[in-house]
Amino acid sequence: MKDVKKFLREFNNAWAQPDLDTILSSVTDDIRFRMANSDEAVEGKAAFADWLKSMDCSDSKANINIERLIVDGDSAALTGDITFTGKDAGKHYAFCDLYTLKDDRICEITAYCVRVGESLERE
């Protein structure tokens, strides 16, 4: 088994670049990706690649600060914040990603993300 903490740090740094080759080589063919505020998931590597490309981050870079990284067997949680430069300069988000690993790659991601400075509204 690879060093999971190092692997997930490298994976997150690839998101900041963005480095699609590293991201896609880090996930299984049957990857399941879901933003926590959505009922719909992106399923499969091809669909995940299309979703990543649709984000159009080619003119943006990001700085990721990892606050906590917890690994328990094949599950991991990573929290931190991300600040953008380039076309998205000034955007600042806090995030928590939950990972499931299989065969030294990521097979499932659930991502929680909120913009820093937004208020919490009660319904």
PDB file of N, CA and C in Angstrom:
ATOM      1  N   MET A   1       0.844  -1.190   0.000  1.00  0.00           N
ATOM      2  CA  MET A   1       0.000   0.000   0.000  1.00  0.00           C
ATOM      3  C   MET A   1       0.876   1.236   0.000  1.00  0.00           C
ATOM      4  N   LYS A   2       0.543   2.177  -0.842  1.00  0.00           N
ATOM      5  CA  LYS A   2       1.302   3.414  -0.923  1.00  0.00           C
ATOM      6  C   LYS A   2       1.022   4.292   0.300  1.00  0.00           C
ATOM      7  N   ASP A   3       1.831   5.326   0.471  1.00  0.00           N
ATOM      8  CA  ASP A   3       1.634   6.303   1.534  1.00  0.00           C
ATOM      9  C   ASP A   3       0.389   7.122   1.165  1.00  0.00           C
ATOM     10  N   VAL A   4      -0.732   6.810   1.776  1.00  0.00           N
ATOM     11  CA  VAL A   4      -2.009   7.407   1.404  1.00  0.00           C
ATOM     12  C   VAL A   4      -2.013   8.914   1.657  1.00  0.00           C
ATOM     13  N   LYS A   5      -1.424   9.352   2.749  1.00  0.00           N
ATOM     14  CA  LYS A   5      -1.405  10.788   3.040  1.00  0.00           C
ATOM     15  C   LYS A   5      -0.628  11.551   1.964  1.00  0.00           C
ATOM     16  N   LYS A   6       0.511  11.018   1.575  1.00  0.00           N
ATOM     17  CA  LYS A   6       1.300  11.662   0.522  1.00  0.00           C
ATOM     18  C   LYS A   6       0.518  11.658  -0.798  1.00  0.00           C
ATOM     19  N   PHE A   7      -0.086  10.529  -1.113  1.00  0.00           N
ATOM     20  CA  PHE A   7      -0.880  10.382  -2.333  1.00  0.00           C
ATOM     21  C   PHE A   7      -2.009  11.416  -2.386  1.00  0.00           C
ATOM     22  N   LEU A   8      -2.743  11.591  -1.288  1.00  0.00           N
ATOM     23  CA  LEU A   8      -3.856  12.535  -1.280  1.00  0.00           C
ATOM     24  C   LEU A   8      -3.373  13.987  -1.316  1.00  0.00           C
ATOM     25  N   ARG A   9      -2.230  14.272  -0.711  1.00  0.00           N
ATOM     26  CA  ARG A   9      -1.657  15.622  -0.822  1.00  0.00           C
ATOM     27  C   ARG A   9      -1.295  15.918  -2.283  1.00  0.00           C
ATOM     28  N   GLU A  10      -0.672  14.958  -2.947  1.00  0.00           N
ATOM     29  CA  GLU A  10      -0.315  15.133  -4.360  1.00  0.00           C
ATOM     30  C   GLU A  10      -1.564  15.270  -5.225  1.00  0.00           C
ATOM     31  N   PHE A  11      -2.595  14.488  -4.916  1.00  0.00           N
ATOM     32  CA  PHE A  11      -3.856  14.557  -5.650  1.00  0.00           C
ATOM     33  C   PHE A  11      -4.464  15.950  -5.521  1.00  0.00           C
ATOM     34  N   ASN A  12      -4.496  16.489  -4.319  1.00  0.00           N
ATOM     35  CA  ASN A  12      -5.052  17.827  -4.108  1.00  0.00           C
ATOM     36  C   ASN A  12      -4.204  18.900  -4.768  1.00  0.00           C
ATOM     37  N   ASN A  13      -2.906  18.749  -4.751  1.00  0.00           N
ATOM     38  CA  ASN A  13      -2.043  19.705  -5.444  1.00  0.00           C
ATOM     39  C   ASN A  13      -2.297  19.674  -6.951  1.00  0.00           C
ATOM     40  N   ALA A  14      -2.637  18.495  -7.494  1.00  0.00           N
ATOM     41  CA  ALA A  14      -2.966  18.395  -8.916  1.00  0.00           C
ATOM     42  C   ALA A  14      -4.240  19.189  -9.234  1.00  0.00           C
ATOM     43  N   TRP A  15      -5.203  19.215  -8.306  1.00  0.00           N
ATOM     44  CA  TRP A  15      -6.416  20.016  -8.506  1.00  0.00           C
ATOM     45  C   TRP A  15      -6.059  21.497  -8.576  1.00  0.00           C
ATOM     46  N   ALA A  16      -5.077  21.913  -7.783  1.00  0.00           N
ATOM     47  CA  ALA A  16      -4.709  23.331  -7.714  1.00  0.00           C
ATOM     48  C   ALA A  16      -4.046  23.810  -8.998  1.00  0.00           C
ATOM     49  N   GLN A  17      -3.416  22.933  -9.758  1.00  0.00           N
ATOM     50  CA  GLN A  17      -2.620  23.365 -10.912  1.00  0.00           C
ATOM     51  C   GLN A  17      -3.430  23.845 -12.113  1.00  0.00           C
ATOM     52  N   PRO A  18      -4.418  23.344 -12.655  1.00  0.00           N
ATOM     53  CA  PRO A  18      -4.921  21.976 -12.589  1.00  0.00           C
ATOM     54  C   PRO A  18      -4.108  21.028 -13.491  1.00  0.00           C
ATOM     55  N   ASP A  19      -3.892  19.819 -12.996  1.00  0.00           N
ATOM     56  CA  ASP A  19      -3.138  18.780 -13.699  1.00  0.00           C
ATOM     57  C   ASP A  19      -4.077  17.589 -13.915  1.00  0.00           C
ATOM     58  N   LEU A  20      -4.818  17.615 -15.018  1.00  0.00           N
ATOM     59  CA  LEU A  20      -5.828  16.589 -15.275  1.00  0.00           C
ATOM     60  C   LEU A  20      -5.236  15.195 -15.406  1.00  0.00           C
ATOM     61  N   ASP A  21      -4.032  15.080 -15.966  1.00  0.00           N
ATOM     62  CA  ASP A  21      -3.414  13.758 -16.118  1.00  0.00           C
ATOM     63  C   ASP A  21      -3.191  13.105 -14.757  1.00  0.00           C
ATOM     64  N   THR A  22      -2.676  13.869 -13.802  1.00  0.00           N
ATOM     65  CA  THR A  22      -2.435  13.321 -12.460  1.00  0.00           C
ATOM     66  C   THR A  22      -3.752  12.996 -11.773  1.00  0.00           C
ATOM     67  N   ILE A  23      -4.727  13.886 -11.905  1.00  0.00           N
ATOM     68  CA  ILE A  23      -6.033  13.629 -11.289  1.00  0.00           C
ATOM     69  C   ILE A  23      -6.616  12.328 -11.830  1.00  0.00           C
ATOM     70  N   LEU A  24      -6.649  12.188 -13.148  1.00  0.00           N
ATOM     71  CA  LEU A  24      -7.283  11.015 -13.756  1.00  0.00           C
ATOM     72  C   LEU A  24      -6.502   9.729 -13.521  1.00  0.00           C
ATOM     73  N   SER A  25      -5.185   9.815 -13.399  1.00  0.00           N
ATOM     74  CA  SER A  25      -4.411   8.601 -13.117  1.00  0.00           C
ATOM     75  C   SER A  25      -4.543   8.170 -11.658  1.00  0.00           C
ATOM     76  N   SER A  26      -5.121   9.022 -10.838  1.00  0.00           N
ATOM     77  CA  SER A  26      -5.275   8.736  -9.407  1.00  0.00           C
ATOM     78  C   SER A  26      -6.614   8.101  -9.065  1.00  0.00           C
ATOM     79  N   VAL A  27      -7.506   7.996 -10.053  1.00  0.00           N
ATOM     80  CA  VAL A  27      -8.839   7.464  -9.788  1.00  0.00           C
ATOM     81  C   VAL A  27      -9.069   6.157 -10.551  1.00  0.00           C
ATOM     82  N   THR A  28      -9.999   5.368 -10.047  1.00  0.00           N
ATOM     83  CA  THR A  28     -10.354   4.110 -10.699  1.00  0.00           C
ATOM     84  C   THR A  28     -11.250   4.376 -11.906  1.00  0.00           C
ATOM     85  N   ASP A  29     -11.379   3.391 -12.762  1.00  0.00           N
ATOM     86  CA  ASP A  29     -12.240   3.528 -13.941  1.00  0.00           C
ATOM     87  C   ASP A  29     -13.701   3.728 -13.559  1.00  0.00           C
ATOM     88  N   ASP A  30     -14.093   3.216 -12.383  1.00  0.00           N
ATOM     89  CA  ASP A  30     -15.483   3.336 -11.945  1.00  0.00           C
ATOM     90  C   ASP A  30     -15.654   4.417 -10.866  1.00  0.00           C
ATOM     91  N   ILE A  31     -14.817   5.451 -10.922  1.00  0.00           N
ATOM     92  CA  ILE A  31     -14.881   6.546  -9.956  1.00  0.00           C
ATOM     93  C   ILE A  31     -16.309   7.071  -9.814  1.00  0.00           C
ATOM     94  N   ARG A  32     -16.662   7.400  -8.584  1.00  0.00           N
ATOM     95  CA  ARG A  32     -17.956   8.039  -8.307  1.00  0.00           C
ATOM     96  C   ARG A  32     -17.649   9.335  -7.578  1.00  0.00           C
ATOM     97  N   PHE A  33     -17.989  10.474  -8.190  1.00  0.00           N
ATOM     98  CA  PHE A  33     -17.721  11.794  -7.629  1.00  0.00           C
ATOM     99  C   PHE A  33     -19.039  12.519  -7.421  1.00  0.00           C
ATOM    100  N   ARG A  34     -19.203  13.085  -6.218  1.00  0.00           N
ATOM    101  CA  ARG A  34     -20.441  13.811  -5.940  1.00  0.00           C
ATOM    102  C   ARG A  34     -20.147  15.021  -5.073  1.00  0.00           C
ATOM    103  N   MET A  35     -20.689  16.156  -5.474  1.00  0.00           N
ATOM    104  CA  MET A  35     -20.689  17.328  -4.611  1.00  0.00           C
ATOM    105  C   MET A  35     -21.789  17.081  -3.582  1.00  0.00           C
ATOM    106  N   ALA A  36     -21.508  17.320  -2.321  1.00  0.00           N
ATOM    107  CA  ALA A  36     -22.445  16.977  -1.253  1.00  0.00           C
ATOM    108  C   ALA A  36     -23.786  17.691  -1.377  1.00  0.00           C
ATOM    109  N   ASN A  37     -23.813  18.841  -2.026  1.00  0.00           N
ATOM    110  CA  ASN A  37     -25.071  19.577  -2.163  1.00  0.00           C
ATOM    111  C   ASN A  37     -25.847  19.175  -3.417  1.00  0.00           C
ATOM    112  N   SER A  38     -25.466  18.078  -4.042  1.00  0.00           N
ATOM    113  CA  SER A  38     -26.135  17.605  -5.248  1.00  0.00           C
ATOM    114  C   SER A  38     -26.583  16.159  -5.070  1.00  0.00           C
ATOM    115  N   ASP A  39     -27.748  15.849  -5.586  1.00  0.00           N
ATOM    116  CA  ASP A  39     -28.235  14.467  -5.549  1.00  0.00           C
ATOM    117  C   ASP A  39     -27.608  13.626  -6.654  1.00  0.00           C
ATOM    118  N   GLU A  40     -27.047  14.295  -7.665  1.00  0.00           N
ATOM    119  CA  GLU A  40     -26.485  13.584  -8.806  1.00  0.00           C
ATOM    120  C   GLU A  40     -24.993  13.377  -8.634  1.00  0.00           C
ATOM    121  N   ALA A  41     -24.535  12.207  -9.042  1.00  0.00           N
ATOM    122  CA  ALA A  41     -23.113  11.884  -8.994  1.00  0.00           C
ATOM    123  C   ALA A  41     -22.571  11.761 -10.410  1.00  0.00           C
ATOM    124  N   VAL A  42     -21.291  12.024 -10.557  1.00  0.00           N
ATOM    125  CA  VAL A  42     -20.583  11.778 -11.809  1.00  0.00           C
ATOM    126  C   VAL A  42     -20.006  10.376 -11.667  1.00  0.00           C
ATOM    127  N   GLU A  43     -20.337   9.491 -12.590  1.00  0.00           N
ATOM    128  CA  GLU A  43     -19.904   8.106 -12.464  1.00  0.00           C
ATOM    129  C   GLU A  43     -19.093   7.671 -13.668  1.00  0.00           C
ATOM    130  N   GLY A  44     -17.915   7.104 -13.399  1.00  0.00           N
ATOM    131  CA  GLY A  44     -17.018   6.610 -14.432  1.00  0.00           C
ATOM    132  C   GLY A  44     -15.948   7.633 -14.773  1.00  0.00           C
ATOM    133  N   LYS A  45     -14.779   7.133 -15.154  1.00  0.00           N
ATOM    134  CA  LYS A  45     -13.639   8.005 -15.434  1.00  0.00           C
ATOM    135  C   LYS A  45     -13.895   8.945 -16.612  1.00  0.00           C
ATOM    136  N   ALA A  46     -14.553   8.466 -17.664  1.00  0.00           N
ATOM    137  CA  ALA A  46     -14.815   9.321 -18.827  1.00  0.00           C
ATOM    138  C   ALA A  46     -15.730  10.484 -18.444  1.00  0.00           C
ATOM    139  N   ALA A  47     -16.786  10.206 -17.690  1.00  0.00           N
ATOM    140  CA  ALA A  47     -17.704  11.262 -17.254  1.00  0.00           C
ATOM    141  C   ALA A  47     -17.002  12.217 -16.298  1.00  0.00           C
ATOM    142  N   PHE A  48     -16.145  11.681 -15.435  1.00  0.00           N
ATOM    143  CA  PHE A  48     -15.389  12.516 -14.504  1.00  0.00           C
ATOM    144  C   PHE A  48     -14.434  13.432 -15.271  1.00  0.00           C
ATOM    145  N   ALA A  49     -13.769  12.902 -16.292  1.00  0.00           N
ATOM    146  CA  ALA A  49     -12.874  13.710 -17.125  1.00  0.00           C
ATOM    147  C   ALA A  49     -13.655  14.830 -17.811  1.00  0.00           C
ATOM    148  N   ASP A  50     -14.836  14.517 -18.339  1.00  0.00           N
ATOM    149  CA  ASP A  50     -15.674  15.535 -18.972  1.00  0.00           C
ATOM    150  C   ASP A  50     -16.086  16.608 -17.969  1.00  0.00           C
ATOM    151  N   TRP A  51     -16.444  16.185 -16.751  1.00  0.00           N
ATOM    152  CA  TRP A  51     -16.840  17.137 -15.714  1.00  0.00           C
ATOM    153  C   TRP A  51     -15.674  18.059 -15.375  1.00  0.00           C
ATOM    154  N   LEU A  52     -14.479  17.491 -15.232  1.00  0.00           N
ATOM    155  CA  LEU A  52     -13.297  18.307 -14.925  1.00  0.00           C
ATOM    156  C   LEU A  52     -13.039  19.324 -16.034  1.00  0.00           C
ATOM    157  N   LYS A  53     -13.132  18.880 -17.273  1.00  0.00           N
ATOM    158  CA  LYS A  53     -12.894  19.777 -18.406  1.00  0.00           C
ATOM    159  C   LYS A  53     -13.950  20.872 -18.476  1.00  0.00           C
ATOM    160  N   SER A  54     -15.168  20.583 -18.080  1.00  0.00           N
ATOM    161  CA  SER A  54     -16.244  21.575 -18.120  1.00  0.00           C
ATOM    162  C   SER A  54     -16.040  22.693 -17.100  1.00  0.00           C
ATOM    163  N   MET A  55     -15.207  22.454 -16.105  1.00  0.00           N
ATOM    164  CA  MET A  55     -14.927  23.482 -15.096  1.00  0.00           C
ATOM    165  C   MET A  55     -14.099  24.621 -15.689  1.00  0.00           C
ATOM    166  N   ASP A  56     -13.389  24.372 -16.796  1.00  0.00           N
ATOM    167  CA  ASP A  56     -12.583  25.374 -17.493  1.00  0.00           C
ATOM    168  C   ASP A  56     -11.732  26.197 -16.538  1.00  0.00           C
ATOM    169  N   CYS A  57     -10.783  25.536 -15.904  1.00  0.00           N
ATOM    170  CA  CYS A  57      -9.878  26.197 -14.962  1.00  0.00           C
ATOM    171  C   CYS A  57      -8.536  26.511 -15.597  1.00  0.00           C
ATOM    172  N   SER A  58      -8.471  26.530 -16.920  1.00  0.00           N
ATOM    173  CA  SER A  58      -7.189  26.705 -17.606  1.00  0.00           C
ATOM    174  C   SER A  58      -6.527  28.041 -17.297  1.00  0.00           C
ATOM    175  N   ASP A  59      -7.304  29.068 -16.990  1.00  0.00           N
ATOM    176  CA  ASP A  59      -6.729  30.377 -16.679  1.00  0.00           C
ATOM    177  C   ASP A  59      -6.660  30.656 -15.188  1.00  0.00           C
ATOM    178  N   SER A  60      -6.888  29.640 -14.377  1.00  0.00           N
ATOM    179  CA  SER A  60      -6.868  29.811 -12.927  1.00  0.00           C
ATOM    180  C   SER A  60      -5.865  28.858 -12.302  1.00  0.00           C
ATOM    181  N   LYS A  61      -5.297  29.305 -11.253  1.00  0.00           N
ATOM    182  CA  LYS A  61      -4.465  28.452 -10.402  1.00  0.00           C
ATOM    183  C   LYS A  61      -5.023  28.607  -8.999  1.00  0.00           C
ATOM    184  N   ALA A  62      -4.653  27.712  -8.142  1.00  0.00           N
ATOM    185  CA  ALA A  62      -5.170  27.779  -6.783  1.00  0.00           C
ATOM    186  C   ALA A  62      -4.068  27.429  -5.793  1.00  0.00           C
ATOM    187  N   ASN A  63      -4.218  27.978  -4.637  1.00  0.00           N
ATOM    188  CA  ASN A  63      -3.349  27.623  -3.514  1.00  0.00           C
ATOM    189  C   ASN A  63      -4.210  26.852  -2.529  1.00  0.00           C
ATOM    190  N   ILE A  64      -3.785  25.633  -2.235  1.00  0.00           N
ATOM    191  CA  ILE A  64      -4.536  24.790  -1.312  1.00  0.00           C
ATOM    192  C   ILE A  64      -3.768  24.699   0.001  1.00  0.00           C
ATOM    193  N   ASN A  65      -4.486  24.940   1.072  1.00  0.00           N
ATOM    194  CA  ASN A  65      -3.941  24.782   2.411  1.00  0.00           C
ATOM    195  C   ASN A  65      -4.664  23.602   3.048  1.00  0.00           C
ATOM    196  N   ILE A  66      -3.943  22.521   3.289  1.00  0.00           N
ATOM    197  CA  ILE A  66      -4.539  21.340   3.907  1.00  0.00           C
ATOM    198  C   ILE A  66      -4.432  21.493   5.419  1.00  0.00           C
ATOM    199  N   GLU A  67      -5.585  21.455   6.086  1.00  0.00           N
ATOM    200  CA  GLU A  67      -5.625  21.605   7.534  1.00  0.00           C
ATOM    201  C   GLU A  67      -5.563  20.269   8.256  1.00  0.00           C
ATOM    202  N   ARG A  68      -6.393  19.323   7.814  1.00  0.00           N
ATOM    203  CA  ARG A  68      -6.423  18.009   8.456  1.00  0.00           C
ATOM    204  C   ARG A  68      -6.537  16.935   7.386  1.00  0.00           C
ATOM    205  N   LEU A  69      -5.854  15.837   7.647  1.00  0.00           N
ATOM    206  CA  LEU A  69      -5.903  14.682   6.757  1.00  0.00           C
ATOM    207  C   LEU A  69      -5.943  13.447   7.639  1.00  0.00           C
ATOM    208  N   ILE A  70      -7.051  12.742   7.586  1.00  0.00           N
ATOM    209  CA  ILE A  70      -7.261  11.573   8.437  1.00  0.00           C
ATOM    210  C   ILE A  70      -7.455  10.358   7.538  1.00  0.00           C
ATOM    211  N   VAL A  71      -6.714   9.303   7.813  1.00  0.00           N
ATOM    212  CA  VAL A  71      -6.828   8.067   7.041  1.00  0.00           C
ATOM    213  C   VAL A  71      -7.188   6.933   7.993  1.00  0.00           C
ATOM    214  N   ASP A  72      -8.186   6.146   7.593  1.00  0.00           N
ATOM    215  CA  ASP A  72      -8.611   4.982   8.369  1.00  0.00           C
ATOM    216  C   ASP A  72      -8.898   3.850   7.390  1.00  0.00           C
ATOM    217  N   GLY A  73      -7.937   2.973   7.226  1.00  0.00           N
ATOM    218  CA  GLY A  73      -8.102   1.878   6.267  1.00  0.00           C
ATOM    219  C   GLY A  73      -8.228   2.406   4.852  1.00  0.00           C
ATOM    220  N   ASP A  74      -9.344   2.081   4.195  1.00  0.00           N
ATOM    221  CA  ASP A  74      -9.591   2.514   2.813  1.00  0.00           C
ATOM    222  C   ASP A  74     -10.407   3.807   2.732  1.00  0.00           C
ATOM    223  N   SER A  75     -10.576   4.478   3.859  1.00  0.00           N
ATOM    224  CA  SER A  75     -11.316   5.734   3.895  1.00  0.00           C
ATOM    225  C   SER A  75     -10.405   6.861   4.357  1.00  0.00           C
ATOM    226  N   ALA A  76     -10.672   8.062   3.848  1.00  0.00           N
ATOM    227  CA  ALA A  76      -9.879   9.221   4.248  1.00  0.00           C
ATOM    228  C   ALA A  76     -10.752  10.468   4.201  1.00  0.00           C
ATOM    229  N   ALA A  77     -10.377  11.449   5.017  1.00  0.00           N
ATOM    230  CA  ALA A  77     -11.034  12.752   5.014  1.00  0.00           C
ATOM    231  C   ALA A  77      -9.945  13.810   4.996  1.00  0.00           C
ATOM    232  N   LEU A  78     -10.144  14.823   4.183  1.00  0.00           N
ATOM    233  CA  LEU A  78      -9.172  15.889   4.052  1.00  0.00           C
ATOM    234  C   LEU A  78      -9.926  17.216   4.114  1.00  0.00           C
ATOM    235  N   THR A  79      -9.492  18.121   4.992  1.00  0.00           N
ATOM    236  CA  THR A  79     -10.113  19.435   5.086  1.00  0.00           C
ATOM    237  C   THR A  79      -9.073  20.508   4.812  1.00  0.00           C
ATOM    238  N   GLY A  80      -9.559  21.649   4.363  1.00  0.00           N
ATOM    239  CA  GLY A  80      -8.655  22.755   4.120  1.00  0.00           C
ATOM    240  C   GLY A  80      -9.366  23.906   3.471  1.00  0.00           C
ATOM    241  N   ASP A  81      -8.573  24.792   2.890  1.00  0.00           N
ATOM    242  CA  ASP A  81      -9.158  25.894   2.147  1.00  0.00           C
ATOM    243  C   ASP A  81      -8.368  26.106   0.870  1.00  0.00           C
ATOM    244  N   ILE A  82      -9.027  26.747  -0.068  1.00  0.00           N
ATOM    245  CA  ILE A  82      -8.453  26.962  -1.388  1.00  0.00           C
ATOM    246  C   ILE A  82      -8.697  28.419  -1.796  1.00  0.00           C
ATOM    247  N   THR A  83      -7.637  29.069  -2.250  1.00  0.00           N
ATOM    248  CA  THR A  83      -7.700  30.451  -2.704  1.00  0.00           C
ATOM    249  C   THR A  83      -7.235  30.490  -4.153  1.00  0.00           C
ATOM    250  N   PHE A  84      -7.998  31.176  -4.998  1.00  0.00           N
ATOM    251  CA  PHE A  84      -7.696  31.208  -6.428  1.00  0.00           C
ATOM    252  C   PHE A  84      -6.917  32.447  -6.831  1.00  0.00           C
ATOM    253  N   THR A  85      -6.127  32.268  -7.888  1.00  0.00           N
ATOM    254  CA  THR A  85      -5.437  33.369  -8.554  1.00  0.00           C
ATOM    255  C   THR A  85      -5.851  33.307 -10.021  1.00  0.00           C
ATOM    256  N   GLY A  86      -5.375  34.213 -10.832  1.00  0.00           N
ATOM    257  CA  GLY A  86      -5.741  34.211 -12.249  1.00  0.00           C
ATOM    258  C   GLY A  86      -7.134  34.756 -12.435  1.00  0.00           C
ATOM    259  N   LYS A  87      -7.901  34.167 -13.356  1.00  0.00           N
ATOM    260  CA  LYS A  87      -9.229  34.702 -13.678  1.00  0.00           C
ATOM    261  C   LYS A  87     -10.198  34.625 -12.503  1.00  0.00           C
ATOM    262  N   ASP A  88      -9.952  33.726 -11.563  1.00  0.00           N
ATOM    263  CA  ASP A  88     -10.829  33.576 -10.397  1.00  0.00           C
ATOM    264  C   ASP A  88     -10.217  34.183  -9.136  1.00  0.00           C
ATOM    265  N   ALA A  89      -9.294  35.111  -9.316  1.00  0.00           N
ATOM    266  CA  ALA A  89      -8.588  35.711  -8.177  1.00  0.00           C
ATOM    267  C   ALA A  89      -9.572  36.245  -7.135  1.00  0.00           C
ATOM    268  N   GLY A  90      -9.244  35.966  -5.891  1.00  0.00           N
ATOM    269  CA  GLY A  90     -10.053  36.448  -4.786  1.00  0.00           C
ATOM    270  C   GLY A  90     -11.085  35.458  -4.285  1.00  0.00           C
ATOM    271  N   LYS A  91     -11.390  34.445  -5.066  1.00  0.00           N
ATOM    272  CA  LYS A  91     -12.340  33.434  -4.590  1.00  0.00           C
ATOM    273  C   LYS A  91     -11.652  32.576  -3.537  1.00  0.00           C
ATOM    274  N   HIS A  92     -12.341  32.329  -2.437  1.00  0.00           N
ATOM    275  CA  HIS A  92     -11.761  31.605  -1.308  1.00  0.00           C
ATOM    276  C   HIS A  92     -12.825  30.646  -0.773  1.00  0.00           C
ATOM    277  N   TYR A  93     -12.500  29.368  -0.717  1.00  0.00           N
ATOM    278  CA  TYR A  93     -13.430  28.335  -0.295  1.00  0.00           C
ATOM    279  C   TYR A  93     -12.824  27.474   0.813  1.00  0.00           C
ATOM    280  N   ALA A  94     -13.673  27.004   1.702  1.00  0.00           N
ATOM    281  CA  ALA A  94     -13.299  25.975   2.668  1.00  0.00           C
ATOM    282  C   ALA A  94     -13.899  24.666   2.152  1.00  0.00           C
ATOM    283  N   PHE A  95     -13.179  23.555   2.349  1.00  0.00           N
ATOM    284  CA  PHE A  95     -13.674  22.294   1.811  1.00  0.00           C
ATOM    285  C   PHE A  95     -13.360  21.118   2.736  1.00  0.00           C
ATOM    286  N   CYS A  96     -14.114  20.071   2.537  1.00  0.00           N
ATOM    287  CA  CYS A  96     -13.860  18.779   3.172  1.00  0.00           C
ATOM    288  C   CYS A  96     -14.171  17.732   2.121  1.00  0.00           C
ATOM    289  N   ASP A  97     -13.194  16.906   1.804  1.00  0.00           N
ATOM    290  CA  ASP A  97     -13.373  15.829   0.831  1.00  0.00           C
ATOM    291  C   ASP A  97     -13.293  14.494   1.553  1.00  0.00           C
ATOM    292  N   LEU A  98     -14.250  13.624   1.264  1.00  0.00           N
ATOM    293  CA  LEU A  98     -14.258  12.269   1.809  1.00  0.00           C
ATOM    294  C   LEU A  98     -13.899  11.315   0.678  1.00  0.00           C
ATOM    295  N   TYR A  99     -12.942  10.443   0.933  1.00  0.00           N
ATOM    296  CA  TYR A  99     -12.423   9.540  -0.091  1.00  0.00           C
ATOM    297  C   TYR A  99     -12.630   8.087   0.309  1.00  0.00           C
ATOM    298  N   THR A 100     -12.888   7.252  -0.689  1.00  0.00           N
ATOM    299  CA  THR A 100     -12.814   5.807  -0.538  1.00  0.00           C
ATOM    300  C   THR A 100     -11.762   5.350  -1.539  1.00  0.00           C
ATOM    301  N   LEU A 101     -10.860   4.495  -1.074  1.00  0.00           N
ATOM    302  CA  LEU A 101      -9.752   4.021  -1.900  1.00  0.00           C
ATOM    303  C   LEU A 101      -9.929   2.545  -2.238  1.00  0.00           C
ATOM    304  N   LYS A 102      -9.446   2.188  -3.424  1.00  0.00           N
ATOM    305  CA  LYS A 102      -9.461   0.792  -3.858  1.00  0.00           C
ATOM    306  C   LYS A 102      -8.241   0.578  -4.746  1.00  0.00           C
ATOM    307  N   ASP A 103      -7.455  -0.413  -4.440  1.00  0.00           N
ATOM    308  CA  ASP A 103      -6.274  -0.741  -5.253  1.00  0.00           C
ATOM    309  C   ASP A 103      -5.348   0.460  -5.443  1.00  0.00           C
ATOM    310  N   ASP A 104      -5.085   1.176  -4.351  1.00  0.00           N
ATOM    311  CA  ASP A 104      -4.173   2.330  -4.334  1.00  0.00           C
ATOM    312  C   ASP A 104      -4.639   3.504  -5.180  1.00  0.00           C
ATOM    313  N   ARG A 105      -5.928   3.554  -5.507  1.00  0.00           N
ATOM    314  CA  ARG A 105      -6.480   4.696  -6.232  1.00  0.00           C
ATOM    315  C   ARG A 105      -7.807   5.093  -5.580  1.00  0.00           C
ATOM    316  N   ILE A 106      -8.317   6.226  -5.977  1.00  0.00           N
ATOM    317  CA  ILE A 106      -9.553   6.748  -5.418  1.00  0.00           C
ATOM    318  C   ILE A 106     -10.735   6.206  -6.223  1.00  0.00           C
ATOM    319  N   CYS A 107     -11.697   5.593  -5.529  1.00  0.00           N
ATOM    320  CA  CYS A 107     -12.873   5.077  -6.225  1.00  0.00           C
ATOM    321  C   CYS A 107     -14.131   5.893  -5.914  1.00  0.00           C
ATOM    322  N   GLU A 108     -14.070   6.724  -4.865  1.00  0.00           N
ATOM    323  CA  GLU A 108     -15.223   7.551  -4.550  1.00  0.00           C
ATOM    324  C   GLU A 108     -14.777   8.821  -3.838  1.00  0.00           C
ATOM    325  N   ILE A 109     -15.394   9.939  -4.229  1.00  0.00           N
ATOM    326  CA  ILE A 109     -15.147  11.225  -3.589  1.00  0.00           C
ATOM    327  C   ILE A 109     -16.495  11.889  -3.338  1.00  0.00           C
ATOM    328  N   THR A 110     -16.693  12.352  -2.113  1.00  0.00           N
ATOM    329  CA  THR A 110     -17.801  13.240  -1.792  1.00  0.00           C
ATOM    330  C   THR A 110     -17.173  14.540  -1.330  1.00  0.00           C
ATOM    331  N   ALA A 111     -17.510  15.631  -1.998  1.00  0.00           N
ATOM    332  CA  ALA A 111     -16.874  16.926  -1.747  1.00  0.00           C
ATOM    333  C   ALA A 111     -17.871  17.916  -1.137  1.00  0.00           C
ATOM    334  N   TYR A 112     -17.480  18.468  -0.014  1.00  0.00           N
ATOM    335  CA  TYR A 112     -18.228  19.531   0.648  1.00  0.00           C
ATOM    336  C   TYR A 112     -17.430  20.811   0.425  1.00  0.00           C
ATOM    337  N   CYS A 113     -18.080  21.870  -0.028  1.00  0.00           N
ATOM    338  CA  CYS A 113     -17.362  23.097  -0.338  1.00  0.00           C
ATOM    339  C   CYS A 113     -18.261  24.302  -0.071  1.00  0.00           C
ATOM    340  N   VAL A 114     -17.735  25.290   0.655  1.00  0.00           N
ATOM    341  CA  VAL A 114     -18.481  26.522   0.908  1.00  0.00           C
ATOM    342  C   VAL A 114     -17.568  27.712   0.661  1.00  0.00           C
ATOM    343  N   ARG A 115     -18.148  28.769   0.151  1.00  0.00           N
ATOM    344  CA  ARG A 115     -17.377  29.985  -0.077  1.00  0.00           C
ATOM    345  C   ARG A 115     -17.147  30.682   1.253  1.00  0.00           C
ATOM    346  N   VAL A 116     -15.923  31.042   1.532  1.00  0.00           N
ATOM    347  CA  VAL A 116     -15.574  31.729   2.767  1.00  0.00           C
ATOM    348  C   VAL A 116     -16.208  33.114   2.728  1.00  0.00           C
ATOM    349  N   GLY A 117     -16.865  33.473   3.820  1.00  0.00           N
ATOM    350  CA  GLY A 117     -17.512  34.777   3.914  1.00  0.00           C
ATOM    351  C   GLY A 117     -19.015  34.723   3.683  1.00  0.00           C
ATOM    352  N   GLU A 118     -19.517  33.592   3.153  1.00  0.00           N
ATOM    353  CA  GLU A 118     -20.953  33.468   2.975  1.00  0.00           C
ATOM    354  C   GLU A 118     -21.585  33.135   4.313  1.00  0.00           C
ATOM    355  N   SER A 119     -22.733  33.681   4.564  1.00  0.00           N
ATOM    356  CA  SER A 119     -23.400  33.429   5.834  1.00  0.00           C
ATOM    357  C   SER A 119     -24.151  32.106   5.763  1.00  0.00           C
ATOM    358  N   LEU A 120     -24.366  31.533   6.902  1.00  0.00           N
ATOM    359  CA  LEU A 120     -25.172  30.323   6.998  1.00  0.00           C
ATOM    360  C   LEU A 120     -26.617  30.750   7.189  1.00  0.00           C
ATOM    361  N   GLU A 121     -27.459  30.329   6.294  1.00  0.00           N
ATOM    362  CA  GLU A 121     -28.867  30.706   6.383  1.00  0.00           C
ATOM    363  C   GLU A 121     -29.670  29.551   6.931  1.00  0.00           C
ATOM    364  N   ARG A 122     -30.634  29.877   7.762  1.00  0.00           N
ATOM    365  CA  ARG A 122     -31.557  28.872   8.291  1.00  0.00           C
ATOM    366  C   ARG A 122     -32.848  28.941   7.502  1.00  0.00           C
ATOM    367  N   GLU A 123     -33.392  27.783   7.245  1.00  0.00           N
ATOM    368  CA  GLU A 123     -34.665  27.741   6.509  1.00  0.00           C
ATOM    369  C   GLU A 123     -35.793  27.668   7.486  1.00  0.00           C
TER     370      GLU A 123
END
